[in-house]
Amino acid sequence: MRAKSKPRRVELGKYIVADPEVCHGKPTFKGTRIMVWQVFEHLALGEPLESFPRHFPGRVSLAAAREALQLGKQLFARNGDTWERAVACLE
């Protein structure tokens, strides 16, 4: 019988990581507990991307916020067969 391997940290980019030991594995900016979804929340509220790092001085750079957008773009650009499940989670 094979032992279950422990979930490991995944480097999602230069500035973003998913670590099961930090924020339940949700993507965060490296070295912080600032979750990537917060970028999208601020954009949805009409805030310019350039303003996002001001909320976290010295902790999240504009380059990191741009990387979050790029990763989001890649996620939605993929051909996926899981969209119905994703929509069900929103309901």
N, C-alpha and C. Protein backbone atom coordinates (compact mmCIF):
# COMPACT_ATOMS: atom_id res chain seq x y z
N MET A 1 0.85 -1.17 0.00
CA MET A 1 0.00 0.00 0.00
C MET A 1 0.90 1.24 0.00
N ARG A 2 0.51 2.20 -0.77
CA ARG A 2 1.27 3.42 -0.92
C ARG A 2 0.83 4.48 0.10
N ALA A 3 1.79 5.11 0.72
CA ALA A 3 1.46 6.18 1.66
C ALA A 3 1.00 7.42 0.90
N LYS A 4 0.01 8.08 1.47
CA LYS A 4 -0.48 9.32 0.85
C LYS A 4 0.59 10.38 0.95
N SER A 5 0.85 11.02 -0.18
CA SER A 5 1.84 12.09 -0.14
C SER A 5 1.19 13.39 0.33
N LYS A 6 1.97 14.15 1.03
CA LYS A 6 1.50 15.43 1.56
C LYS A 6 1.42 16.43 0.41
N PRO A 7 0.32 17.20 0.33
CA PRO A 7 0.24 18.23 -0.72
C PRO A 7 1.42 19.18 -0.58
N ARG A 8 1.95 19.58 -1.72
CA ARG A 8 3.14 20.43 -1.71
C ARG A 8 2.85 21.82 -2.27
N ARG A 9 3.72 22.71 -1.93
CA ARG A 9 3.69 24.08 -2.43
C ARG A 9 3.87 24.06 -3.95
N VAL A 10 3.06 24.86 -4.65
CA VAL A 10 3.15 24.95 -6.10
C VAL A 10 3.47 26.40 -6.46
N GLU A 11 4.56 26.58 -7.16
CA GLU A 11 4.94 27.90 -7.65
C GLU A 11 4.12 28.18 -8.91
N LEU A 12 3.22 29.13 -8.83
CA LEU A 12 2.35 29.45 -9.97
C LEU A 12 2.94 30.54 -10.85
N GLY A 13 3.95 31.18 -10.38
CA GLY A 13 4.60 32.25 -11.12
C GLY A 13 5.75 32.80 -10.29
N LYS A 14 6.29 33.89 -10.75
CA LYS A 14 7.39 34.52 -10.03
C LYS A 14 6.93 35.09 -8.68
N TYR A 15 5.67 35.54 -8.63
CA TYR A 15 5.15 36.22 -7.44
C TYR A 15 4.03 35.48 -6.73
N ILE A 16 3.54 34.39 -7.31
CA ILE A 16 2.34 33.74 -6.78
C ILE A 16 2.62 32.27 -6.48
N VAL A 17 2.07 31.82 -5.36
CA VAL A 17 2.27 30.44 -4.91
C VAL A 17 0.96 29.91 -4.32
N ALA A 18 0.79 28.60 -4.42
CA ALA A 18 -0.31 27.92 -3.72
C ALA A 18 0.35 26.94 -2.75
N ASP A 19 0.19 27.20 -1.47
CA ASP A 19 0.84 26.40 -0.44
C ASP A 19 -0.23 25.90 0.52
N PRO A 20 -0.36 24.58 0.68
CA PRO A 20 -1.40 24.07 1.57
C PRO A 20 -1.24 24.53 3.02
N GLU A 21 -0.06 25.02 3.37
CA GLU A 21 0.19 25.52 4.72
C GLU A 21 -0.20 26.99 4.89
N VAL A 22 -0.56 27.64 3.79
CA VAL A 22 -0.89 29.07 3.83
C VAL A 22 -2.26 29.27 3.20
N CYS A 23 -3.18 29.83 3.95
CA CYS A 23 -4.54 30.16 3.46
C CYS A 23 -5.21 28.97 2.77
N HIS A 24 -5.06 27.80 3.37
CA HIS A 24 -5.71 26.57 2.87
C HIS A 24 -5.37 26.25 1.43
N GLY A 25 -4.20 26.68 0.98
CA GLY A 25 -3.77 26.36 -0.37
C GLY A 25 -4.27 27.28 -1.45
N LYS A 26 -5.02 28.31 -1.07
CA LYS A 26 -5.47 29.28 -2.08
C LYS A 26 -4.25 30.06 -2.57
N PRO A 27 -4.24 30.44 -3.84
CA PRO A 27 -3.09 31.21 -4.34
C PRO A 27 -2.91 32.53 -3.59
N THR A 28 -1.67 32.76 -3.17
CA THR A 28 -1.31 33.99 -2.46
C THR A 28 -0.06 34.58 -3.11
N PHE A 29 0.19 35.83 -2.79
CA PHE A 29 1.43 36.45 -3.22
C PHE A 29 2.54 35.93 -2.29
N LYS A 30 3.65 35.53 -2.88
CA LYS A 30 4.73 34.90 -2.12
C LYS A 30 5.13 35.71 -0.90
N GLY A 31 5.31 34.99 0.20
CA GLY A 31 5.75 35.61 1.44
C GLY A 31 4.67 36.37 2.18
N THR A 32 3.43 36.25 1.72
CA THR A 32 2.31 36.96 2.36
C THR A 32 1.13 36.00 2.53
N ARG A 33 0.11 36.51 3.17
CA ARG A 33 -1.18 35.82 3.24
C ARG A 33 -2.22 36.59 2.42
N ILE A 34 -1.74 37.40 1.51
CA ILE A 34 -2.62 38.20 0.65
C ILE A 34 -3.02 37.31 -0.52
N MET A 35 -4.30 37.05 -0.62
CA MET A 35 -4.80 36.13 -1.63
C MET A 35 -5.00 36.81 -2.99
N VAL A 36 -4.69 36.07 -4.02
CA VAL A 36 -4.74 36.60 -5.39
C VAL A 36 -6.14 37.06 -5.76
N TRP A 37 -7.18 36.38 -5.26
CA TRP A 37 -8.54 36.76 -5.63
C TRP A 37 -8.84 38.20 -5.23
N GLN A 38 -8.08 38.74 -4.28
CA GLN A 38 -8.32 40.12 -3.86
C GLN A 38 -8.05 41.12 -4.98
N VAL A 39 -7.12 40.81 -5.87
CA VAL A 39 -6.88 41.68 -7.03
C VAL A 39 -8.16 41.80 -7.84
N PHE A 40 -8.79 40.67 -8.11
CA PHE A 40 -10.00 40.67 -8.94
C PHE A 40 -11.16 41.37 -8.24
N GLU A 41 -11.22 41.23 -6.93
CA GLU A 41 -12.27 41.92 -6.17
C GLU A 41 -12.12 43.43 -6.29
N HIS A 42 -10.90 43.92 -6.16
CA HIS A 42 -10.66 45.36 -6.27
C HIS A 42 -10.97 45.86 -7.68
N LEU A 43 -10.60 45.07 -8.69
CA LEU A 43 -10.92 45.46 -10.07
C LEU A 43 -12.43 45.49 -10.29
N ALA A 44 -13.14 44.51 -9.73
CA ALA A 44 -14.60 44.48 -9.87
C ALA A 44 -15.26 45.69 -9.22
N LEU A 45 -14.62 46.25 -8.22
CA LEU A 45 -15.14 47.44 -7.56
C LEU A 45 -14.77 48.72 -8.30
N GLY A 46 -14.06 48.57 -9.43
CA GLY A 46 -13.74 49.72 -10.26
C GLY A 46 -12.38 50.35 -9.98
N GLU A 47 -11.60 49.73 -9.15
CA GLU A 47 -10.30 50.27 -8.81
C GLU A 47 -9.28 49.94 -9.91
N PRO A 48 -8.46 50.89 -10.31
CA PRO A 48 -7.43 50.59 -11.31
C PRO A 48 -6.39 49.62 -10.74
N LEU A 49 -5.86 48.78 -11.58
CA LEU A 49 -4.86 47.80 -11.15
C LEU A 49 -3.67 48.49 -10.47
N GLU A 50 -3.29 49.63 -10.98
CA GLU A 50 -2.14 50.36 -10.44
C GLU A 50 -2.34 50.77 -8.97
N SER A 51 -3.58 50.84 -8.52
CA SER A 51 -3.85 51.21 -7.13
C SER A 51 -3.76 50.04 -6.17
N PHE A 52 -3.87 48.82 -6.66
CA PHE A 52 -3.90 47.65 -5.78
C PHE A 52 -2.69 47.57 -4.84
N PRO A 53 -1.46 47.73 -5.32
CA PRO A 53 -0.31 47.61 -4.41
C PRO A 53 -0.31 48.62 -3.27
N ARG A 54 -1.00 49.73 -3.42
CA ARG A 54 -1.04 50.74 -2.36
C ARG A 54 -1.71 50.21 -1.09
N HIS A 55 -2.56 49.20 -1.23
CA HIS A 55 -3.22 48.60 -0.07
C HIS A 55 -2.25 47.75 0.75
N PHE A 56 -1.15 47.33 0.11
CA PHE A 56 -0.19 46.42 0.73
C PHE A 56 1.23 46.91 0.48
N PRO A 57 1.57 48.11 0.96
CA PRO A 57 2.88 48.70 0.65
C PRO A 57 4.04 47.78 1.01
N GLY A 58 4.91 47.60 0.03
CA GLY A 58 6.09 46.78 0.23
C GLY A 58 5.84 45.28 0.23
N ARG A 59 4.58 44.88 0.07
CA ARG A 59 4.26 43.46 0.13
C ARG A 59 3.78 42.90 -1.20
N VAL A 60 3.07 43.72 -1.99
CA VAL A 60 2.59 43.30 -3.31
C VAL A 60 2.97 44.40 -4.30
N SER A 61 3.71 44.02 -5.32
CA SER A 61 4.13 44.99 -6.33
C SER A 61 3.12 45.03 -7.48
N LEU A 62 3.26 46.04 -8.29
CA LEU A 62 2.42 46.13 -9.49
C LEU A 62 2.71 44.95 -10.41
N ALA A 63 3.97 44.54 -10.50
CA ALA A 63 4.33 43.38 -11.32
C ALA A 63 3.61 42.12 -10.82
N ALA A 64 3.50 41.97 -9.51
CA ALA A 64 2.80 40.81 -8.94
C ALA A 64 1.31 40.86 -9.28
N ALA A 65 0.71 42.03 -9.19
CA ALA A 65 -0.71 42.18 -9.53
C ALA A 65 -0.93 41.87 -11.01
N ARG A 66 -0.01 42.31 -11.86
CA ARG A 66 -0.11 42.01 -13.30
C ARG A 66 0.00 40.51 -13.55
N GLU A 67 0.89 39.85 -12.80
CA GLU A 67 1.02 38.41 -12.95
C GLU A 67 -0.29 37.71 -12.58
N ALA A 68 -0.97 38.20 -11.55
CA ALA A 68 -2.26 37.63 -11.16
C ALA A 68 -3.26 37.72 -12.32
N LEU A 69 -3.29 38.87 -12.98
CA LEU A 69 -4.19 39.02 -14.13
C LEU A 69 -3.82 38.06 -15.25
N GLN A 70 -2.53 37.90 -15.50
CA GLN A 70 -2.08 37.00 -16.55
C GLN A 70 -2.47 35.55 -16.24
N LEU A 71 -2.31 35.15 -14.98
CA LEU A 71 -2.70 33.79 -14.60
C LEU A 71 -4.21 33.60 -14.73
N GLY A 72 -4.98 34.63 -14.36
CA GLY A 72 -6.43 34.56 -14.54
C GLY A 72 -6.81 34.44 -16.00
N LYS A 73 -6.14 35.18 -16.85
CA LYS A 73 -6.38 35.11 -18.29
C LYS A 73 -6.10 33.70 -18.81
N GLN A 74 -4.99 33.13 -18.39
CA GLN A 74 -4.64 31.78 -18.83
C GLN A 74 -5.67 30.76 -18.37
N LEU A 75 -6.15 30.92 -17.15
CA LEU A 75 -7.16 30.00 -16.63
C LEU A 75 -8.42 30.02 -17.49
N PHE A 76 -8.89 31.21 -17.81
CA PHE A 76 -10.13 31.32 -18.57
C PHE A 76 -9.94 31.07 -20.05
N ALA A 77 -8.72 31.14 -20.56
CA ALA A 77 -8.46 30.90 -21.97
C ALA A 77 -8.37 29.41 -22.29
N ARG A 78 -8.17 28.60 -21.28
CA ARG A 78 -8.05 27.15 -21.50
C ARG A 78 -9.39 26.57 -21.94
N ASN A 79 -9.30 25.54 -22.76
CA ASN A 79 -10.51 24.76 -23.08
C ASN A 79 -10.72 23.81 -21.92
N GLY A 80 -11.83 23.97 -21.25
CA GLY A 80 -12.06 23.13 -20.08
C GLY A 80 -13.39 22.42 -20.15
N ASP A 81 -13.44 21.26 -19.52
CA ASP A 81 -14.69 20.52 -19.46
C ASP A 81 -15.28 20.61 -18.05
N THR A 82 -14.73 21.50 -17.24
CA THR A 82 -15.19 21.61 -15.86
C THR A 82 -16.02 22.86 -15.61
N TRP A 83 -16.38 23.58 -16.65
CA TRP A 83 -17.10 24.84 -16.45
C TRP A 83 -18.46 24.63 -15.81
N GLU A 84 -19.14 23.54 -16.15
CA GLU A 84 -20.45 23.30 -15.54
C GLU A 84 -20.32 23.13 -14.04
N ARG A 85 -19.27 22.43 -13.60
CA ARG A 85 -19.04 22.26 -12.16
C ARG A 85 -18.71 23.60 -11.51
N ALA A 86 -17.94 24.43 -12.20
CA ALA A 86 -17.57 25.73 -11.65
C ALA A 86 -18.81 26.61 -11.48
N VAL A 87 -19.68 26.59 -12.47
CA VAL A 87 -20.91 27.39 -12.40
C VAL A 87 -21.79 26.88 -11.27
N ALA A 88 -21.85 25.57 -11.10
CA ALA A 88 -22.67 25.00 -10.02
C ALA A 88 -22.19 25.50 -8.66
N CYS A 89 -20.90 25.73 -8.52
CA CYS A 89 -20.37 26.24 -7.25
C CYS A 89 -20.82 27.66 -6.97
N LEU A 90 -21.14 28.41 -8.01
CA LEU A 90 -21.56 29.79 -7.85
C LEU A 90 -23.03 29.91 -7.47
N GLU A 91 -23.77 28.88 -7.73
CA GLU A 91 -25.22 28.93 -7.47
C GLU A 91 -25.56 28.72 -6.03
